[in-house]
All heavy atoms as atom14 arrays in JSON, in Angstrom:
{
  "sequence": "VDFADTSVTQNTRVSYPIYHIDNIQQPSIGKNPKNIFFLTADAF",
  "atom14_mask": [
    [1, 1, 1, 1, 1, 1, 1, 0, 0, 0, 0, 0, 0, 0],
    [1, 1, 1, 1, 1, 1, 1, 1, 0, 0, 0, 0, 0, 0],
    [1, 1, 1, 1, 1, 1, 1, 1, 1, 1, 1, 0, 0, 0],
    [1, 1, 1, 1, 1, 0, 0, 0, 0, 0, 0, 0, 0, 0],
    [1, 1, 1, 1, 1, 1, 1, 1, 0, 0, 0, 0, 0, 0],
    [1, 1, 1, 1, 1, 1, 1, 0, 0, 0, 0, 0, 0, 0],
    [1, 1, 1, 1, 1, 1, 0, 0, 0, 0, 0, 0, 0, 0],
    [1, 1, 1, 1, 1, 1, 1, 0, 0, 0, 0, 0, 0, 0],
    [1, 1, 1, 1, 1, 1, 1, 0, 0, 0, 0, 0, 0, 0],
    [1, 1, 1, 1, 1, 1, 1, 1, 1, 0, 0, 0, 0, 0],
    [1, 1, 1, 1, 1, 1, 1, 1, 0, 0, 0, 0, 0, 0],
    [1, 1, 1, 1, 1, 1, 1, 0, 0, 0, 0, 0, 0, 0],
    [1, 1, 1, 1, 1, 1, 1, 1, 1, 1, 1, 0, 0, 0],
    [1, 1, 1, 1, 1, 1, 1, 0, 0, 0, 0, 0, 0, 0],
    [1, 1, 1, 1, 1, 1, 0, 0, 0, 0, 0, 0, 0, 0],
    [1, 1, 1, 1, 1, 1, 1, 1, 1, 1, 1, 1, 0, 0],
    [1, 1, 1, 1, 1, 1, 1, 0, 0, 0, 0, 0, 0, 0],
    [1, 1, 1, 1, 1, 1, 1, 1, 0, 0, 0, 0, 0, 0],
    [1, 1, 1, 1, 1, 1, 1, 1, 1, 1, 1, 1, 0, 0],
    [1, 1, 1, 1, 1, 1, 1, 1, 1, 1, 0, 0, 0, 0],
    [1, 1, 1, 1, 1, 1, 1, 1, 0, 0, 0, 0, 0, 0],
    [1, 1, 1, 1, 1, 1, 1, 1, 0, 0, 0, 0, 0, 0],
    [1, 1, 1, 1, 1, 1, 1, 1, 0, 0, 0, 0, 0, 0],
    [1, 1, 1, 1, 1, 1, 1, 1, 0, 0, 0, 0, 0, 0],
    [1, 1, 1, 1, 1, 1, 1, 1, 1, 0, 0, 0, 0, 0],
    [1, 1, 1, 1, 1, 1, 1, 1, 1, 0, 0, 0, 0, 0],
    [1, 1, 1, 1, 1, 1, 1, 0, 0, 0, 0, 0, 0, 0],
    [1, 1, 1, 1, 1, 1, 0, 0, 0, 0, 0, 0, 0, 0],
    [1, 1, 1, 1, 1, 1, 1, 1, 0, 0, 0, 0, 0, 0],
    [1, 1, 1, 1, 0, 0, 0, 0, 0, 0, 0, 0, 0, 0],
    [1, 1, 1, 1, 1, 1, 1, 1, 1, 0, 0, 0, 0, 0],
    [1, 1, 1, 1, 1, 1, 1, 1, 0, 0, 0, 0, 0, 0],
    [1, 1, 1, 1, 1, 1, 1, 0, 0, 0, 0, 0, 0, 0],
    [1, 1, 1, 1, 1, 1, 1, 1, 1, 0, 0, 0, 0, 0],
    [1, 1, 1, 1, 1, 1, 1, 1, 0, 0, 0, 0, 0, 0],
    [1, 1, 1, 1, 1, 1, 1, 1, 0, 0, 0, 0, 0, 0],
    [1, 1, 1, 1, 1, 1, 1, 1, 1, 1, 1, 0, 0, 0],
    [1, 1, 1, 1, 1, 1, 1, 1, 1, 1, 1, 0, 0, 0],
    [1, 1, 1, 1, 1, 1, 1, 1, 0, 0, 0, 0, 0, 0],
    [1, 1, 1, 1, 1, 1, 1, 0, 0, 0, 0, 0, 0, 0],
    [1, 1, 1, 1, 1, 0, 0, 0, 0, 0, 0, 0, 0, 0],
    [1, 1, 1, 1, 1, 1, 1, 1, 0, 0, 0, 0, 0, 0],
    [1, 1, 1, 1, 1, 0, 0, 0, 0, 0, 0, 0, 0, 0],
    [1, 1, 1, 1, 1, 1, 1, 1, 1, 1, 1, 0, 0, 0]
  ],
  "atom14_positions": [
    [[-6.24, -8.62, 0.89], [-5.76, -8.31, -0.51], [-4.27, -7.79, -0.43], [-3.97, -6.91, 0.35], [-6.65, -7.3, -1.17], [-6.13, -6.91, -2.54], [-8.05, -7.77, -1.34], [0.0, 0.0, 0.0], [0.0, 0.0, 0.0], [0.0, 0.0, 0.0], [0.0, 0.0, 0.0], [0.0, 0.0, 0.0], [0.0, 0.0, 0.0], [0.0, 0.0, 0.0]],
    [[-3.48, -8.27, -1.29], [-2.11, -7.73, -1.45], [-2.19, -6.88, -2.7], [-2.12, -7.34, -3.88], [-1.1, -8.87, -1.67], [0.32, -8.39, -1.88], [0.47, -7.14, -1.95], [1.2, -9.22, -1.95], [0.0, 0.0, 0.0], [0.0, 0.0, 0.0], [0.0, 0.0, 0.0], [0.0, 0.0, 0.0], [0.0, 0.0, 0.0], [0.0, 0.0, 0.0]],
    [[-2.34, -5.54, -2.48], [-2.53, -4.63, -3.62], [-1.22, -4.5, -4.43], [-1.29, -3.92, -5.54], [-3.06, -3.29, -3.06], [-4.46, -3.27, -2.55], [-4.78, -3.23, -1.26], [-5.51, -3.49, -3.5], [-6.01, -3.29, -0.79], [-6.8, -3.56, -3.07], [-7.1, -3.43, -1.73], [0.0, 0.0, 0.0], [0.0, 0.0, 0.0], [0.0, 0.0, 0.0]],
    [[-0.13, -4.86, -3.87], [1.17, -4.75, -4.67], [1.35, -5.93, -5.59], [2.22, -5.91, -6.45], [2.33, -4.69, -3.68], [0.0, 0.0, 0.0], [0.0, 0.0, 0.0], [0.0, 0.0, 0.0], [0.0, 0.0, 0.0], [0.0, 0.0, 0.0], [0.0, 0.0, 0.0], [0.0, 0.0, 0.0], [0.0, 0.0, 0.0], [0.0, 0.0, 0.0]],
    [[0.54, -7.0, -5.47], [0.69, -8.23, -6.24], [0.1, -8.04, -7.62], [-1.16, -7.93, -7.74], [0.1, -9.43, -5.53], [0.51, -10.75, -6.1], [0.65, -10.79, -7.37], [0.6, -11.7, -5.38], [0.0, 0.0, 0.0], [0.0, 0.0, 0.0], [0.0, 0.0, 0.0], [0.0, 0.0, 0.0], [0.0, 0.0, 0.0], [0.0, 0.0, 0.0]],
    [[0.91, -8.0, -8.61], [0.42, -7.82, -10.02], [0.54, -9.12, -10.85], [0.67, -9.04, -12.09], [1.14, -6.65, -10.69], [2.52, -6.98, -10.71], [0.91, -5.36, -9.98], [0.0, 0.0, 0.0], [0.0, 0.0, 0.0], [0.0, 0.0, 0.0], [0.0, 0.0, 0.0], [0.0, 0.0, 0.0], [0.0, 0.0, 0.0], [0.0, 0.0, 0.0]],
    [[0.63, -10.29, -10.12], [0.85, -11.49, -10.84], [-0.33, -11.86, -11.85], [-0.1, -12.55, -12.8], [1.02, -12.68, -9.83], [-0.07, -12.81, -8.97], [0.0, 0.0, 0.0], [0.0, 0.0, 0.0], [0.0, 0.0, 0.0], [0.0, 0.0, 0.0], [0.0, 0.0, 0.0], [0.0, 0.0, 0.0], [0.0, 0.0, 0.0], [0.0, 0.0, 0.0]],
    [[-1.52, -11.37, -11.52], [-2.63, -11.6, -12.45], [-2.64, -10.48, -13.55], [-2.75, -10.85, -14.72], [-4.06, -11.62, -11.75], [-5.14, -11.81, -12.69], [-4.02, -12.67, -10.65], [0.0, 0.0, 0.0], [0.0, 0.0, 0.0], [0.0, 0.0, 0.0], [0.0, 0.0, 0.0], [0.0, 0.0, 0.0], [0.0, 0.0, 0.0], [0.0, 0.0, 0.0]],
    [[-2.57, -9.29, -13.15], [-2.47, -8.17, -14.08], [-2.01, -6.94, -13.37], [-2.2, -6.77, -12.15], [-3.86, -7.91, -14.7], [-3.79, -6.74, -15.56], [-4.91, -7.65, -13.68], [0.0, 0.0, 0.0], [0.0, 0.0, 0.0], [0.0, 0.0, 0.0], [0.0, 0.0, 0.0], [0.0, 0.0, 0.0], [0.0, 0.0, 0.0], [0.0, 0.0, 0.0]],
    [[-1.44, -5.92, -14.13], [-1.19, -4.62, -13.6], [-2.47, -3.87, -13.46], [-2.57, -2.91, -12.67], [-0.25, -3.86, -14.53], [1.11, -4.43, -14.65], [2.19, -3.69, -13.91], [1.98, -2.58, -13.47], [3.28, -4.32, -13.6], [0.0, 0.0, 0.0], [0.0, 0.0, 0.0], [0.0, 0.0, 0.0], [0.0, 0.0, 0.0], [0.0, 0.0, 0.0]],
    [[-3.5, -4.31, -14.15], [-4.78, -3.52, -14.21], [-5.77, -4.07, -13.19], [-6.94, -4.34, -13.53], [-5.37, -3.66, -15.64], [-6.51, -2.66, -15.86], [-6.52, -1.6, -15.36], [-7.49, -3.13, -16.63], [0.0, 0.0, 0.0], [0.0, 0.0, 0.0], [0.0, 0.0, 0.0], [0.0, 0.0, 0.0], [0.0, 0.0, 0.0], [0.0, 0.0, 0.0]],
    [[-5.35, -4.2, -11.93], [-6.27, -4.6, -10.9], [-7.23, -3.4, -10.64], [-6.83, -2.25, -10.69], [-5.56, -4.92, -9.62], [-4.62, -3.85, -9.25], [-4.75, -6.24, -9.76], [0.0, 0.0, 0.0], [0.0, 0.0, 0.0], [0.0, 0.0, 0.0], [0.0, 0.0, 0.0], [0.0, 0.0, 0.0], [0.0, 0.0, 0.0], [0.0, 0.0, 0.0]],
    [[-8.48, -3.74, -10.35], [-9.53, -2.68, -10.35], [-10.51, -2.94, -9.17], [-10.64, -3.99, -8.6], [-10.35, -2.72, -11.57], [-9.57, -2.3, -12.85], [-9.65, -0.9, -13.05], [-9.06, -0.42, -14.31], [-9.07, 0.79, -14.83], [-9.84, 1.66, -14.23], [-8.46, 1.08, -15.88], [0.0, 0.0, 0.0], [0.0, 0.0, 0.0], [0.0, 0.0, 0.0]],
    [[-11.23, -1.82, -8.83], [-12.41, -1.94, -7.96], [-13.53, -1.11, -8.55], [-13.29, 0.04, -9.07], [-12.12, -1.52, -6.49], [-11.68, -0.06, -6.43], [-13.31, -1.79, -5.58], [0.0, 0.0, 0.0], [0.0, 0.0, 0.0], [0.0, 0.0, 0.0], [0.0, 0.0, 0.0], [0.0, 0.0, 0.0], [0.0, 0.0, 0.0], [0.0, 0.0, 0.0]],
    [[-14.72, -1.63, -8.54], [-15.92, -0.81, -8.9], [-16.74, -0.65, -7.69], [-16.87, -1.61, -6.85], [-16.73, -1.38, -10.04], [-17.5, -2.58, -9.6], [0.0, 0.0, 0.0], [0.0, 0.0, 0.0], [0.0, 0.0, 0.0], [0.0, 0.0, 0.0], [0.0, 0.0, 0.0], [0.0, 0.0, 0.0], [0.0, 0.0, 0.0], [0.0, 0.0, 0.0]],
    [[-17.32, 0.47, -7.5], [-18.24, 0.73, -6.34], [-19.19, 1.92, -6.71], [-18.84, 2.74, -7.56], [-17.44, 1.11, -5.09], [-16.42, 2.22, -5.26], [-16.73, 3.53, -5.23], [-15.09, 1.9, -5.56], [-15.79, 4.52, -5.32], [-14.11, 2.86, -5.66], [-14.46, 4.19, -5.63], [-13.47, 5.17, -5.78], [0.0, 0.0, 0.0], [0.0, 0.0, 0.0]],
    [[-20.43, 1.91, -6.12], [-21.35, 3.0, -6.4], [-20.85, 4.3, -5.82], [-20.04, 4.31, -4.78], [-22.61, 2.57, -5.62], [-22.15, 1.49, -4.66], [-20.95, 0.89, -5.22], [0.0, 0.0, 0.0], [0.0, 0.0, 0.0], [0.0, 0.0, 0.0], [0.0, 0.0, 0.0], [0.0, 0.0, 0.0], [0.0, 0.0, 0.0], [0.0, 0.0, 0.0]],
    [[-21.07, 5.4, -6.47], [-20.48, 6.66, -6.11], [-20.82, 7.09, -4.6], [-20.01, 7.73, -3.93], [-20.89, 7.77, -7.07], [-19.85, 9.0, -6.93], [-22.33, 8.17, -6.86], [-20.0, 9.98, -8.09], [0.0, 0.0, 0.0], [0.0, 0.0, 0.0], [0.0, 0.0, 0.0], [0.0, 0.0, 0.0], [0.0, 0.0, 0.0], [0.0, 0.0, 0.0]],
    [[-21.93, 6.55, -4.03], [-22.28, 6.86, -2.69], [-21.37, 6.21, -1.66], [-21.43, 6.48, -0.48], [-23.74, 6.64, -2.33], [-24.16, 5.21, -2.64], [-23.9, 4.18, -1.77], [-25.06, 4.95, -3.75], [-24.36, 2.86, -2.03], [-25.51, 3.57, -3.94], [-25.16, 2.61, -3.1], [-25.64, 1.33, -3.34], [0.0, 0.0, 0.0], [0.0, 0.0, 0.0]],
    [[-20.4, 5.41, -2.08], [-19.35, 4.86, -1.23], [-18.29, 5.98, -0.91], [-17.47, 5.87, 0.03], [-18.58, 3.72, -1.81], [-19.29, 2.38, -1.61], [-18.74, 1.18, -1.66], [-20.61, 2.12, -1.37], [-19.63, 0.19, -1.51], [-20.82, 0.76, -1.33], [0.0, 0.0, 0.0], [0.0, 0.0, 0.0], [0.0, 0.0, 0.0], [0.0, 0.0, 0.0]],
    [[-18.33, 7.13, -1.66], [-17.44, 8.26, -1.46], [-18.25, 9.27, -0.61], [-19.41, 9.55, -0.91], [-17.01, 8.89, -2.74], [-16.23, 7.9, -3.59], [-16.22, 10.12, -2.5], [-14.86, 7.59, -3.11], [0.0, 0.0, 0.0], [0.0, 0.0, 0.0], [0.0, 0.0, 0.0], [0.0, 0.0, 0.0], [0.0, 0.0, 0.0], [0.0, 0.0, 0.0]],
    [[-17.63, 9.89, 0.4], [-18.36, 10.77, 1.3], [-18.65, 12.14, 0.63], [-19.74, 12.63, 0.59], [-17.58, 11.02, 2.61], [-17.49, 9.69, 3.43], [-18.42, 8.93, 3.35], [-16.55, 9.56, 4.16], [0.0, 0.0, 0.0], [0.0, 0.0, 0.0], [0.0, 0.0, 0.0], [0.0, 0.0, 0.0], [0.0, 0.0, 0.0], [0.0, 0.0, 0.0]],
    [[-17.58, 12.75, 0.11], [-17.73, 14.16, -0.38], [-18.12, 14.27, -1.81], [-17.29, 14.56, -2.62], [-16.37, 14.86, -0.09], [-16.45, 16.34, -0.11], [-17.54, 16.92, 0.15], [-15.34, 17.05, -0.45], [0.0, 0.0, 0.0], [0.0, 0.0, 0.0], [0.0, 0.0, 0.0], [0.0, 0.0, 0.0], [0.0, 0.0, 0.0], [0.0, 0.0, 0.0]],
    [[-19.37, 14.05, -2.09], [-19.85, 14.02, -3.48], [-20.92, 15.0, -3.71], [-21.61, 15.45, -2.78], [-20.34, 12.59, -3.95], [-21.47, 12.15, -2.99], [-19.22, 11.62, -3.96], [-22.15, 10.9, -3.51], [0.0, 0.0, 0.0], [0.0, 0.0, 0.0], [0.0, 0.0, 0.0], [0.0, 0.0, 0.0], [0.0, 0.0, 0.0], [0.0, 0.0, 0.0]],
    [[-21.01, 15.49, -4.99], [-22.05, 16.38, -5.44], [-23.32, 15.55, -5.72], [-23.18, 14.65, -6.48], [-21.58, 17.13, -6.6], [-22.55, 18.05, -7.29], [-22.67, 19.45, -6.61], [-22.27, 19.56, -5.42], [-23.13, 20.47, -7.32], [0.0, 0.0, 0.0], [0.0, 0.0, 0.0], [0.0, 0.0, 0.0], [0.0, 0.0, 0.0], [0.0, 0.0, 0.0]],
    [[-24.47, 15.91, -5.18], [-25.71, 15.22, -5.47], [-26.79, 16.19, -5.91], [-27.09, 17.16, -5.25], [-26.11, 14.48, -4.21], [-25.23, 13.33, -3.82], [-25.73, 12.6, -2.58], [-25.77, 13.12, -1.47], [-26.08, 11.38, -2.74], [0.0, 0.0, 0.0], [0.0, 0.0, 0.0], [0.0, 0.0, 0.0], [0.0, 0.0, 0.0], [0.0, 0.0, 0.0]],
    [[-27.37, 15.96, -7.09], [-26.99, 14.93, -8.07], [-25.63, 15.31, -8.69], [-25.11, 16.4, -8.41], [-28.09, 14.99, -9.11], [-28.68, 16.41, -9.02], [-28.57, 16.77, -7.59], [0.0, 0.0, 0.0], [0.0, 0.0, 0.0], [0.0, 0.0, 0.0], [0.0, 0.0, 0.0], [0.0, 0.0, 0.0], [0.0, 0.0, 0.0], [0.0, 0.0, 0.0]],
    [[-25.11, 14.41, -9.56], [-23.75, 14.55, -10.05], [-23.67, 15.58, -11.22], [-23.32, 15.24, -12.35], [-23.17, 13.22, -10.48], [-23.18, 12.32, -9.51], [0.0, 0.0, 0.0], [0.0, 0.0, 0.0], [0.0, 0.0, 0.0], [0.0, 0.0, 0.0], [0.0, 0.0, 0.0], [0.0, 0.0, 0.0], [0.0, 0.0, 0.0], [0.0, 0.0, 0.0]],
    [[-24.07, 16.86, -10.92], [-24.06, 17.9, -11.88], [-23.36, 19.13, -11.32], [-23.62, 19.48, -10.2], [-25.56, 18.23, -12.23], [-26.29, 17.05, -12.76], [-25.62, 19.38, -13.27], [-27.82, 17.26, -12.94], [0.0, 0.0, 0.0], [0.0, 0.0, 0.0], [0.0, 0.0, 0.0], [0.0, 0.0, 0.0], [0.0, 0.0, 0.0], [0.0, 0.0, 0.0]],
    [[-22.54, 19.71, -12.12], [-21.87, 20.95, -11.77], [-22.21, 22.11, -12.74], [-22.41, 21.84, -13.94], [0.0, 0.0, 0.0], [0.0, 0.0, 0.0], [0.0, 0.0, 0.0], [0.0, 0.0, 0.0], [0.0, 0.0, 0.0], [0.0, 0.0, 0.0], [0.0, 0.0, 0.0], [0.0, 0.0, 0.0], [0.0, 0.0, 0.0], [0.0, 0.0, 0.0]],
    [[-22.32, 23.31, -12.25], [-22.56, 24.4, -13.15], [-21.32, 25.32, -13.23], [-20.4, 25.18, -12.42], [-23.75, 25.21, -12.64], [-25.04, 24.44, -12.64], [-26.27, 25.1, -12.13], [-27.5, 24.26, -12.14], [-28.68, 25.06, -11.63], [0.0, 0.0, 0.0], [0.0, 0.0, 0.0], [0.0, 0.0, 0.0], [0.0, 0.0, 0.0], [0.0, 0.0, 0.0]],
    [[-21.31, 26.27, -14.22], [-20.38, 27.27, -14.35], [-18.91, 26.75, -14.34], [-18.09, 26.99, -13.46], [-20.5, 28.2, -13.12], [-19.84, 29.55, -13.24], [-19.62, 29.95, -14.41], [-19.56, 30.18, -12.23], [0.0, 0.0, 0.0], [0.0, 0.0, 0.0], [0.0, 0.0, 0.0], [0.0, 0.0, 0.0], [0.0, 0.0, 0.0], [0.0, 0.0, 0.0]],
    [[-18.52, 25.91, -15.37], [-17.13, 25.52, -15.5], [-16.21, 26.72, -15.69], [-16.47, 27.54, -16.57], [-17.1, 24.58, -16.71], [-18.6, 24.23, -16.97], [-19.4, 25.43, -16.45], [0.0, 0.0, 0.0], [0.0, 0.0, 0.0], [0.0, 0.0, 0.0], [0.0, 0.0, 0.0], [0.0, 0.0, 0.0], [0.0, 0.0, 0.0], [0.0, 0.0, 0.0]],
    [[-15.2, 26.75, -14.89], [-14.3, 27.92, -14.99], [-12.82, 27.54, -15.31], [-12.05, 28.37, -15.72], [-14.31, 28.79, -13.68], [-15.6, 29.63, -13.64], [-15.55, 30.69, -14.7], [-16.8, 31.48, -14.75], [-16.91, 32.29, -16.01], [0.0, 0.0, 0.0], [0.0, 0.0, 0.0], [0.0, 0.0, 0.0], [0.0, 0.0, 0.0], [0.0, 0.0, 0.0]],
    [[-12.46, 26.31, -14.88], [-11.09, 25.89, -15.16], [-11.03, 24.48, -15.64], [-11.71, 23.56, -15.15], [-10.26, 25.98, -13.83], [-10.02, 27.39, -13.45], [-9.09, 28.05, -13.92], [-10.8, 27.97, -12.5], [0.0, 0.0, 0.0], [0.0, 0.0, 0.0], [0.0, 0.0, 0.0], [0.0, 0.0, 0.0], [0.0, 0.0, 0.0], [0.0, 0.0, 0.0]],
    [[-10.13, 24.26, -16.66], [-9.9, 22.96, -17.19], [-8.44, 22.66, -17.04], [-7.64, 23.53, -17.36], [-10.29, 22.85, -18.67], [-11.8, 22.99, -18.83], [-9.87, 21.51, -19.31], [-12.27, 23.11, -20.33], [0.0, 0.0, 0.0], [0.0, 0.0, 0.0], [0.0, 0.0, 0.0], [0.0, 0.0, 0.0], [0.0, 0.0, 0.0], [0.0, 0.0, 0.0]],
    [[-8.14, 21.47, -16.57], [-6.7, 21.09, -16.42], [-6.41, 19.89, -17.33], [-7.04, 18.85, -17.23], [-6.4, 20.71, -14.96], [-6.64, 21.85, -14.01], [-7.83, 22.02, -13.35], [-5.61, 22.78, -13.73], [-8.07, 23.05, -12.45], [-5.84, 23.86, -12.88], [-7.08, 23.97, -12.23], [0.0, 0.0, 0.0], [0.0, 0.0, 0.0], [0.0, 0.0, 0.0]],
    [[-5.37, 20.04, -18.17], [-4.86, 18.96, -18.92], [-3.65, 18.48, -18.14], [-2.68, 19.15, -18.04], [-4.41, 19.38, -20.33], [-5.46, 19.78, -21.25], [-5.18, 20.62, -22.39], [-6.82, 19.48, -21.01], [-6.22, 20.99, -23.22], [-7.87, 19.9, -21.93], [-7.55, 20.7, -23.03], [0.0, 0.0, 0.0], [0.0, 0.0, 0.0], [0.0, 0.0, 0.0]],
    [[-3.71, 17.25, -17.7], [-2.64, 16.65, -16.87], [-1.71, 15.77, -17.68], [-2.23, 14.96, -18.44], [-3.23, 15.83, -15.69], [-4.2, 16.55, -14.78], [-4.82, 15.56, -13.79], [-3.62, 17.74, -14.07], [0.0, 0.0, 0.0], [0.0, 0.0, 0.0], [0.0, 0.0, 0.0], [0.0, 0.0, 0.0], [0.0, 0.0, 0.0], [0.0, 0.0, 0.0]],
    [[-0.47, 16.01, -17.58], [0.53, 15.16, -18.33], [1.72, 14.83, -17.46], [2.15, 15.67, -16.63], [1.01, 15.91, -19.66], [1.97, 15.08, -20.3], [1.7, 17.26, -19.26], [0.0, 0.0, 0.0], [0.0, 0.0, 0.0], [0.0, 0.0, 0.0], [0.0, 0.0, 0.0], [0.0, 0.0, 0.0], [0.0, 0.0, 0.0], [0.0, 0.0, 0.0]],
    [[2.22, 13.62, -17.55], [3.35, 13.25, -16.8], [4.53, 13.22, -17.78], [4.83, 12.14, -18.37], [3.19, 11.87, -16.09], [0.0, 0.0, 0.0], [0.0, 0.0, 0.0], [0.0, 0.0, 0.0], [0.0, 0.0, 0.0], [0.0, 0.0, 0.0], [0.0, 0.0, 0.0], [0.0, 0.0, 0.0], [0.0, 0.0, 0.0], [0.0, 0.0, 0.0]],
    [[5.11, 14.33, -17.97], [6.21, 14.47, -18.97], [7.54, 13.95, -18.46], [8.16, 14.61, -17.67], [6.32, 15.95, -19.39], [7.5, 16.13, -20.42], [7.86, 15.15, -21.14], [8.07, 17.28, -20.45], [0.0, 0.0, 0.0], [0.0, 0.0, 0.0], [0.0, 0.0, 0.0], [0.0, 0.0, 0.0], [0.0, 0.0, 0.0], [0.0, 0.0, 0.0]],
    [[7.85, 12.74, -18.83], [9.1, 12.08, -18.35], [10.4, 12.7, -18.98], [11.48, 12.35, -18.56], [9.04, 10.56, -18.55], [0.0, 0.0, 0.0], [0.0, 0.0, 0.0], [0.0, 0.0, 0.0], [0.0, 0.0, 0.0], [0.0, 0.0, 0.0], [0.0, 0.0, 0.0], [0.0, 0.0, 0.0], [0.0, 0.0, 0.0], [0.0, 0.0, 0.0]],
    [[10.19, 13.57, -19.96], [11.34, 14.24, -20.58], [11.8, 15.41, -19.76], [12.81, 16.01, -19.91], [11.04, 14.68, -21.97], [10.8, 13.53, -22.9], [9.52, 13.11, -23.25], [11.92, 12.86, -23.56], [9.32, 12.06, -24.04], [11.64, 11.83, -24.42], [10.3, 11.41, -24.64], [0.0, 0.0, 0.0], [0.0, 0.0, 0.0], [0.0, 0.0, 0.0]]
  ]
}
């Protein structure tokens, strides 16, 4: 795969089951939310 090639679309994608990632919470549930981050790429 040439991941830099966007001749079909800029929106190239991959889907995979979460167990393809090593460091995951099982089951996918977290308790005690303490911090929320709103991320913005402010180009100004």
